[in-house]
Amino acid sequence: MKFRKHNNKICLEENKKVLAFIEYTEEKDKLIINHTFVNEALRGQGIAKKLVDKVKEEADKQGKKTEAICSYAKKILK
């Protein structure tokens, strides 16, 4: 399984199939997480948190803050 960044989306893929993803929008000083999805078979394994962490890493690289609209990501960012 491999994480890949596609525009404003980070996906977890296996054999070119998307198993989980997180979508975000970019603003001047922040990345805003809009949606997180993890395939039912992978839930409970910490994949969603890893996706949130990947967005945080991207925000840090860009010198931006991270915010969330997505309810799951909001819990993680607190």
PDB file of N, CA and C in Angstrom:
ATOM      1  N   MET A   1       0.834  -1.182   0.000  1.00  0.00           N
ATOM      2  CA  MET A   1       0.000   0.000   0.000  1.00  0.00           C
ATOM      3  C   MET A   1       0.879   1.245   0.000  1.00  0.00           C
ATOM      4  N   LYS A   2       0.443   2.233  -0.741  1.00  0.00           N
ATOM      5  CA  LYS A   2       1.263   3.428  -0.899  1.00  0.00           C
ATOM      6  C   LYS A   2       0.381   4.668  -0.874  1.00  0.00           C
ATOM      7  N   PHE A   3       0.848   5.705  -0.143  1.00  0.00           N
ATOM      8  CA  PHE A   3       0.161   6.990  -0.138  1.00  0.00           C
ATOM      9  C   PHE A   3       0.626   7.793  -1.346  1.00  0.00           C
ATOM     10  N   ARG A   4      -0.312   8.413  -2.044  1.00  0.00           N
ATOM     11  CA  ARG A   4       0.022   9.272  -3.182  1.00  0.00           C
ATOM     12  C   ARG A   4      -0.766  10.558  -3.101  1.00  0.00           C
ATOM     13  N   LYS A   5      -0.111  11.636  -3.487  1.00  0.00           N
ATOM     14  CA  LYS A   5      -0.764  12.948  -3.515  1.00  0.00           C
ATOM     15  C   LYS A   5      -1.206  13.238  -4.945  1.00  0.00           C
ATOM     16  N   HIS A   6      -2.471  13.567  -5.109  1.00  0.00           N
ATOM     17  CA  HIS A   6      -3.046  13.928  -6.398  1.00  0.00           C
ATOM     18  C   HIS A   6      -3.753  15.266  -6.209  1.00  0.00           C
ATOM     19  N   ASN A   7      -3.150  16.331  -6.674  1.00  0.00           N
ATOM     20  CA  ASN A   7      -3.713  17.672  -6.484  1.00  0.00           C
ATOM     21  C   ASN A   7      -3.993  17.899  -5.006  1.00  0.00           C
ATOM     22  N   ASN A   8      -5.246  18.125  -4.610  1.00  0.00           N
ATOM     23  CA  ASN A   8      -5.571  18.382  -3.203  1.00  0.00           C
ATOM     24  C   ASN A   8      -6.212  17.160  -2.555  1.00  0.00           C
ATOM     25  N   LYS A   9      -5.632  16.009  -2.855  1.00  0.00           N
ATOM     26  CA  LYS A   9      -6.148  14.750  -2.337  1.00  0.00           C
ATOM     27  C   LYS A   9      -4.958  13.830  -2.077  1.00  0.00           C
ATOM     28  N   ILE A  10      -4.986  13.146  -0.945  1.00  0.00           N
ATOM     29  CA  ILE A  10      -3.965  12.151  -0.649  1.00  0.00           C
ATOM     30  C   ILE A  10      -4.690  10.811  -0.554  1.00  0.00           C
ATOM     31  N   CYS A  11      -4.214   9.842  -1.311  1.00  0.00           N
ATOM     32  CA  CYS A  11      -4.877   8.538  -1.404  1.00  0.00           C
ATOM     33  C   CYS A  11      -3.965   7.434  -0.908  1.00  0.00           C
ATOM     34  N   LEU A  12      -4.589   6.411  -0.350  1.00  0.00           N
ATOM     35  CA  LEU A  12      -3.895   5.171  -0.034  1.00  0.00           C
ATOM     36  C   LEU A  12      -4.320   4.193  -1.116  1.00  0.00           C
ATOM     37  N   GLU A  13      -3.343   3.704  -1.871  1.00  0.00           N
ATOM     38  CA  GLU A  13      -3.643   2.848  -3.010  1.00  0.00           C
ATOM     39  C   GLU A  13      -2.958   1.499  -2.885  1.00  0.00           C
ATOM     40  N   GLU A  14      -3.611   0.506  -3.460  1.00  0.00           N
ATOM     41  CA  GLU A  14      -3.021  -0.821  -3.586  1.00  0.00           C
ATOM     42  C   GLU A  14      -3.427  -1.347  -4.949  1.00  0.00           C
ATOM     43  N   ASN A  15      -2.443  -1.720  -5.753  1.00  0.00           N
ATOM     44  CA  ASN A  15      -2.707  -2.201  -7.114  1.00  0.00           C
ATOM     45  C   ASN A  15      -3.577  -1.219  -7.895  1.00  0.00           C
ATOM     46  N   LYS A  16      -3.246   0.050  -7.778  1.00  0.00           N
ATOM     47  CA  LYS A  16      -3.922   1.150  -8.478  1.00  0.00           C
ATOM     48  C   LYS A  16      -5.386   1.335  -8.059  1.00  0.00           C
ATOM     49  N   LYS A  17      -5.785   0.714  -6.958  1.00  0.00           N
ATOM     50  CA  LYS A  17      -7.135   0.882  -6.442  1.00  0.00           C
ATOM     51  C   LYS A  17      -7.074   1.767  -5.196  1.00  0.00           C
ATOM     52  N   VAL A  18      -7.921   2.801  -5.146  1.00  0.00           N
ATOM     53  CA  VAL A  18      -7.953   3.711  -3.999  1.00  0.00           C
ATOM     54  C   VAL A  18      -8.732   3.045  -2.868  1.00  0.00           C
ATOM     55  N   LEU A  19      -8.065   2.869  -1.729  1.00  0.00           N
ATOM     56  CA  LEU A  19      -8.680   2.236  -0.564  1.00  0.00           C
ATOM     57  C   LEU A  19      -9.082   3.250   0.500  1.00  0.00           C
ATOM     58  N   ALA A  20      -8.440   4.406   0.481  1.00  0.00           N
ATOM     59  CA  ALA A  20      -8.732   5.465   1.441  1.00  0.00           C
ATOM     60  C   ALA A  20      -8.219   6.777   0.853  1.00  0.00           C
ATOM     61  N   PHE A  21      -8.863   7.878   1.271  1.00  0.00           N
ATOM     62  CA  PHE A  21      -8.384   9.174   0.801  1.00  0.00           C
ATOM     63  C   PHE A  21      -8.805  10.282   1.739  1.00  0.00           C
ATOM     64  N   ILE A  22      -8.130  11.401   1.592  1.00  0.00           N
ATOM     65  CA  ILE A  22      -8.467  12.621   2.315  1.00  0.00           C
ATOM     66  C   ILE A  22      -8.403  13.763   1.309  1.00  0.00           C
ATOM     67  N   GLU A  23      -9.398  14.634   1.342  1.00  0.00           N
ATOM     68  CA  GLU A  23      -9.455  15.780   0.436  1.00  0.00           C
ATOM     69  C   GLU A  23      -9.339  17.060   1.245  1.00  0.00           C
ATOM     70  N   TYR A  24      -8.648  18.024   0.670  1.00  0.00           N
ATOM     71  CA  TYR A  24      -8.488  19.312   1.351  1.00  0.00           C
ATOM     72  C   TYR A  24      -8.459  20.433   0.321  1.00  0.00           C
ATOM     73  N   THR A  25      -8.756  21.622   0.797  1.00  0.00           N
ATOM     74  CA  THR A  25      -8.647  22.807  -0.047  1.00  0.00           C
ATOM     75  C   THR A  25      -7.520  23.667   0.498  1.00  0.00           C
ATOM     76  N   GLU A  26      -6.925  24.432  -0.399  1.00  0.00           N
ATOM     77  CA  GLU A  26      -5.832  25.316   0.001  1.00  0.00           C
ATOM     78  C   GLU A  26      -6.315  26.756   0.037  1.00  0.00           C
ATOM     79  N   GLU A  27      -5.998  27.427   1.103  1.00  0.00           N
ATOM     80  CA  GLU A  27      -6.217  28.859   1.200  1.00  0.00           C
ATOM     81  C   GLU A  27      -4.853  29.507   1.410  1.00  0.00           C
ATOM     82  N   LYS A  28      -4.861  30.793   1.450  1.00  0.00           N
ATOM     83  CA  LYS A  28      -3.609  31.549   1.543  1.00  0.00           C
ATOM     84  C   LYS A  28      -2.680  31.023   2.641  1.00  0.00           C
ATOM     85  N   ASP A  29      -3.216  30.837   3.853  1.00  0.00           N
ATOM     86  CA  ASP A  29      -2.369  30.468   4.982  1.00  0.00           C
ATOM     87  C   ASP A  29      -2.728  29.134   5.629  1.00  0.00           C
ATOM     88  N   LYS A  30      -3.607  28.339   4.983  1.00  0.00           N
ATOM     89  CA  LYS A  30      -4.005  27.085   5.612  1.00  0.00           C
ATOM     90  C   LYS A  30      -4.492  26.051   4.606  1.00  0.00           C
ATOM     91  N   LEU A  31      -4.448  24.794   5.043  1.00  0.00           N
ATOM     92  CA  LEU A  31      -5.042  23.680   4.310  1.00  0.00           C
ATOM     93  C   LEU A  31      -6.257  23.245   5.127  1.00  0.00           C
ATOM     94  N   ILE A  32      -7.398  23.130   4.477  1.00  0.00           N
ATOM     95  CA  ILE A  32      -8.642  22.799   5.165  1.00  0.00           C
ATOM     96  C   ILE A  32      -9.095  21.407   4.721  1.00  0.00           C
ATOM     97  N   ILE A  33      -9.162  20.491   5.668  1.00  0.00           N
ATOM     98  CA  ILE A  33      -9.575  19.118   5.371  1.00  0.00           C
ATOM     99  C   ILE A  33     -11.093  19.077   5.242  1.00  0.00           C
ATOM    100  N   ASN A  34     -11.557  18.639   4.066  1.00  0.00           N
ATOM    101  CA  ASN A  34     -12.993  18.600   3.773  1.00  0.00           C
ATOM    102  C   ASN A  34     -13.616  17.230   3.991  1.00  0.00           C
ATOM    103  N   HIS A  35     -12.881  16.177   3.662  1.00  0.00           N
ATOM    104  CA  HIS A  35     -13.485  14.847   3.662  1.00  0.00           C
ATOM    105  C   HIS A  35     -12.415  13.776   3.845  1.00  0.00           C
ATOM    106  N   THR A  36     -12.768  12.766   4.616  1.00  0.00           N
ATOM    107  CA  THR A  36     -11.893  11.615   4.822  1.00  0.00           C
ATOM    108  C   THR A  36     -12.714  10.349   4.574  1.00  0.00           C
ATOM    109  N   PHE A  37     -12.134   9.403   3.848  1.00  0.00           N
ATOM    110  CA  PHE A  37     -12.803   8.132   3.595  1.00  0.00           C
ATOM    111  C   PHE A  37     -11.803   6.991   3.736  1.00  0.00           C
ATOM    112  N   VAL A  38     -12.248   5.923   4.410  1.00  0.00           N
ATOM    113  CA  VAL A  38     -11.450   4.701   4.509  1.00  0.00           C
ATOM    114  C   VAL A  38     -12.380   3.531   4.186  1.00  0.00           C
ATOM    115  N   ASN A  39     -11.937   2.670   3.279  1.00  0.00           N
ATOM    116  CA  ASN A  39     -12.687   1.476   2.915  1.00  0.00           C
ATOM    117  C   ASN A  39     -13.018   0.693   4.184  1.00  0.00           C
ATOM    118  N   GLU A  40     -14.222   0.160   4.238  1.00  0.00           N
ATOM    119  CA  GLU A  40     -14.705  -0.552   5.420  1.00  0.00           C
ATOM    120  C   GLU A  40     -13.736  -1.645   5.883  1.00  0.00           C
ATOM    121  N   ALA A  41     -13.112  -2.330   4.966  1.00  0.00           N
ATOM    122  CA  ALA A  41     -12.191  -3.420   5.307  1.00  0.00           C
ATOM    123  C   ALA A  41     -10.956  -2.932   6.057  1.00  0.00           C
ATOM    124  N   LEU A  42     -10.622  -1.644   5.945  1.00  0.00           N
ATOM    125  CA  LEU A  42      -9.417  -1.096   6.583  1.00  0.00           C
ATOM    126  C   LEU A  42      -9.712  -0.280   7.838  1.00  0.00           C
ATOM    127  N   ARG A  43     -10.971  -0.085   8.140  1.00  0.00           N
ATOM    128  CA  ARG A  43     -11.321   0.756   9.293  1.00  0.00           C
ATOM    129  C   ARG A  43     -10.822   0.135  10.592  1.00  0.00           C
ATOM    130  N   GLY A  44     -10.476   1.020  11.536  1.00  0.00           N
ATOM    131  CA  GLY A  44      -9.974   0.574  12.828  1.00  0.00           C
ATOM    132  C   GLY A  44      -8.473   0.305  12.844  1.00  0.00           C
ATOM    133  N   GLN A  45      -7.791   0.619  11.763  1.00  0.00           N
ATOM    134  CA  GLN A  45      -6.349   0.368  11.668  1.00  0.00           C
ATOM    135  C   GLN A  45      -5.514   1.652  11.725  1.00  0.00           C
ATOM    136  N   GLY A  46      -6.165   2.785  11.982  1.00  0.00           N
ATOM    137  CA  GLY A  46      -5.435   4.045  12.082  1.00  0.00           C
ATOM    138  C   GLY A  46      -5.123   4.700  10.745  1.00  0.00           C
ATOM    139  N   ILE A  47      -5.740   4.237   9.681  1.00  0.00           N
ATOM    140  CA  ILE A  47      -5.467   4.786   8.345  1.00  0.00           C
ATOM    141  C   ILE A  47      -5.914   6.238   8.247  1.00  0.00           C
ATOM    142  N   ALA A  48      -7.103   6.556   8.765  1.00  0.00           N
ATOM    143  CA  ALA A  48      -7.614   7.929   8.677  1.00  0.00           C
ATOM    144  C   ALA A  48      -6.679   8.900   9.403  1.00  0.00           C
ATOM    145  N   LYS A  49      -6.173   8.494  10.567  1.00  0.00           N
ATOM    146  CA  LYS A  49      -5.233   9.359  11.292  1.00  0.00           C
ATOM    147  C   LYS A  49      -3.965   9.567  10.477  1.00  0.00           C
ATOM    148  N   LYS A  50      -3.487   8.522   9.823  1.00  0.00           N
ATOM    149  CA  LYS A  50      -2.294   8.657   8.986  1.00  0.00           C
ATOM    150  C   LYS A  50      -2.546   9.646   7.845  1.00  0.00           C
ATOM    151  N   LEU A  51      -3.750   9.619   7.291  1.00  0.00           N
ATOM    152  CA  LEU A  51      -4.088  10.564   6.217  1.00  0.00           C
ATOM    153  C   LEU A  51      -4.098  11.999   6.749  1.00  0.00           C
ATOM    154  N   VAL A  52      -4.682  12.199   7.922  1.00  0.00           N
ATOM    155  CA  VAL A  52      -4.674  13.540   8.535  1.00  0.00           C
ATOM    156  C   VAL A  52      -3.231  13.977   8.769  1.00  0.00           C
ATOM    157  N   ASP A  53      -2.403  13.070   9.267  1.00  0.00           N
ATOM    158  CA  ASP A  53      -0.986  13.389   9.497  1.00  0.00           C
ATOM    159  C   ASP A  53      -0.280  13.790   8.199  1.00  0.00           C
ATOM    160  N   LYS A  54      -0.636  13.137   7.092  1.00  0.00           N
ATOM    161  CA  LYS A  54      -0.028  13.484   5.801  1.00  0.00           C
ATOM    162  C   LYS A  54      -0.397  14.903   5.388  1.00  0.00           C
ATOM    163  N   VAL A  55      -1.639  15.301   5.636  1.00  0.00           N
ATOM    164  CA  VAL A  55      -2.041  16.681   5.315  1.00  0.00           C
ATOM    165  C   VAL A  55      -1.297  17.654   6.222  1.00  0.00           C
ATOM    166  N   LYS A  56      -1.155  17.311   7.487  1.00  0.00           N
ATOM    167  CA  LYS A  56      -0.396  18.171   8.409  1.00  0.00           C
ATOM    168  C   LYS A  56       1.049  18.321   7.942  1.00  0.00           C
ATOM    169  N   GLU A  57       1.657  17.228   7.482  1.00  0.00           N
ATOM    170  CA  GLU A  57       3.030  17.290   6.952  1.00  0.00           C
ATOM    171  C   GLU A  57       3.097  18.229   5.746  1.00  0.00           C
ATOM    172  N   GLU A  58       2.118  18.124   4.854  1.00  0.00           N
ATOM    173  CA  GLU A  58       2.076  18.988   3.671  1.00  0.00           C
ATOM    174  C   GLU A  58       1.926  20.451   4.082  1.00  0.00           C
ATOM    175  N   ALA A  59       1.070  20.717   5.053  1.00  0.00           N
ATOM    176  CA  ALA A  59       0.880  22.085   5.543  1.00  0.00           C
ATOM    177  C   ALA A  59       2.182  22.616   6.144  1.00  0.00           C
ATOM    178  N   ASP A  60       2.858  21.798   6.928  1.00  0.00           N
ATOM    179  CA  ASP A  60       4.132  22.212   7.527  1.00  0.00           C
ATOM    180  C   ASP A  60       5.157  22.547   6.447  1.00  0.00           C
ATOM    181  N   LYS A  61       5.216  21.724   5.394  1.00  0.00           N
ATOM    182  CA  LYS A  61       6.156  21.981   4.290  1.00  0.00           C
ATOM    183  C   LYS A  61       5.888  23.333   3.645  1.00  0.00           C
ATOM    184  N   GLN A  62       4.604  23.687   3.574  1.00  0.00           N
ATOM    185  CA  GLN A  62       4.216  24.935   2.930  1.00  0.00           C
ATOM    186  C   GLN A  62       4.162  26.110   3.912  1.00  0.00           C
ATOM    187  N   GLY A  63       4.438  25.851   5.187  1.00  0.00           N
ATOM    188  CA  GLY A  63       4.380  26.896   6.196  1.00  0.00           C
ATOM    189  C   GLY A  63       2.958  27.363   6.472  1.00  0.00           C
ATOM    190  N   LYS A  64       2.009  26.423   6.378  1.00  0.00           N
ATOM    191  CA  LYS A  64       0.599  26.755   6.575  1.00  0.00           C
ATOM    192  C   LYS A  64       0.042  26.023   7.786  1.00  0.00           C
ATOM    193  N   LYS A  65      -1.128  26.472   8.240  1.00  0.00           N
ATOM    194  CA  LYS A  65      -1.849  25.823   9.321  1.00  0.00           C
ATOM    195  C   LYS A  65      -2.768  24.758   8.721  1.00  0.00           C
ATOM    196  N   THR A  66      -3.275  23.884   9.593  1.00  0.00           N
ATOM    197  CA  THR A  66      -4.226  22.862   9.170  1.00  0.00           C
ATOM    198  C   THR A  66      -5.522  23.066   9.931  1.00  0.00           C
ATOM    199  N   GLU A  67      -6.640  23.070   9.219  1.00  0.00           N
ATOM    200  CA  GLU A  67      -7.969  23.148   9.814  1.00  0.00           C
ATOM    201  C   GLU A  67      -8.822  22.041   9.212  1.00  0.00           C
ATOM    202  N   ALA A  68     -10.015  21.830   9.786  1.00  0.00           N
ATOM    203  CA  ALA A  68     -10.872  20.762   9.266  1.00  0.00           C
ATOM    204  C   ALA A  68     -12.338  21.155   9.276  1.00  0.00           C
ATOM    205  N   ILE A  69     -13.014  20.736   8.236  1.00  0.00           N
ATOM    206  CA  ILE A  69     -14.472  20.767   8.171  1.00  0.00           C
ATOM    207  C   ILE A  69     -14.969  19.355   8.492  1.00  0.00           C
ATOM    208  N   CYS A  70     -14.233  18.375   8.043  1.00  0.00           N
ATOM    209  CA  CYS A  70     -14.540  16.966   8.275  1.00  0.00           C
ATOM    210  C   CYS A  70     -14.571  16.687   9.792  1.00  0.00           C
ATOM    211  N   SER A  71     -15.642  16.072  10.268  1.00  0.00           N
ATOM    212  CA  SER A  71     -15.800  15.848  11.711  1.00  0.00           C
ATOM    213  C   SER A  71     -14.703  14.940  12.277  1.00  0.00           C
ATOM    214  N   TYR A  72     -14.298  13.912  11.539  1.00  0.00           N
ATOM    215  CA  TYR A  72     -13.238  13.034  12.037  1.00  0.00           C
ATOM    216  C   TYR A  72     -11.926  13.805  12.158  1.00  0.00           C
ATOM    217  N   ALA A  73     -11.566  14.540  11.137  1.00  0.00           N
ATOM    218  CA  ALA A  73     -10.306  15.294  11.165  1.00  0.00           C
ATOM    219  C   ALA A  73     -10.313  16.340  12.273  1.00  0.00           C
ATOM    220  N   LYS A  74     -11.474  16.947  12.537  1.00  0.00           N
ATOM    221  CA  LYS A  74     -11.574  17.917  13.639  1.00  0.00           C
ATOM    222  C   LYS A  74     -11.157  17.278  14.950  1.00  0.00           C
ATOM    223  N   LYS A  75     -11.625  16.059  15.199  1.00  0.00           N
ATOM    224  CA  LYS A  75     -11.278  15.355  16.441  1.00  0.00           C
ATOM    225  C   LYS A  75      -9.780  15.104  16.535  1.00  0.00           C
ATOM    226  N   ILE A  76      -9.163  14.725  15.445  1.00  0.00           N
ATOM    227  CA  ILE A  76      -7.731  14.435  15.409  1.00  0.00           C
ATOM    228  C   ILE A  76      -6.904  15.697  15.630  1.00  0.00           C
ATOM    229  N   LEU A  77      -7.328  16.804  15.055  1.00  0.00           N
ATOM    230  CA  LEU A  77      -6.558  18.046  15.129  1.00  0.00           C
ATOM    231  C   LEU A  77      -6.657  18.731  16.499  1.00  0.00           C
ATOM    232  N   LYS A  78      -7.625  18.346  17.318  1.00  0.00           N
ATOM    233  CA  LYS A  78      -7.767  18.995  18.644  1.00  0.00           C
ATOM    234  C   LYS A  78      -6.679  18.594  19.584  1.00  0.00           C
TER     235      LYS A  78
END
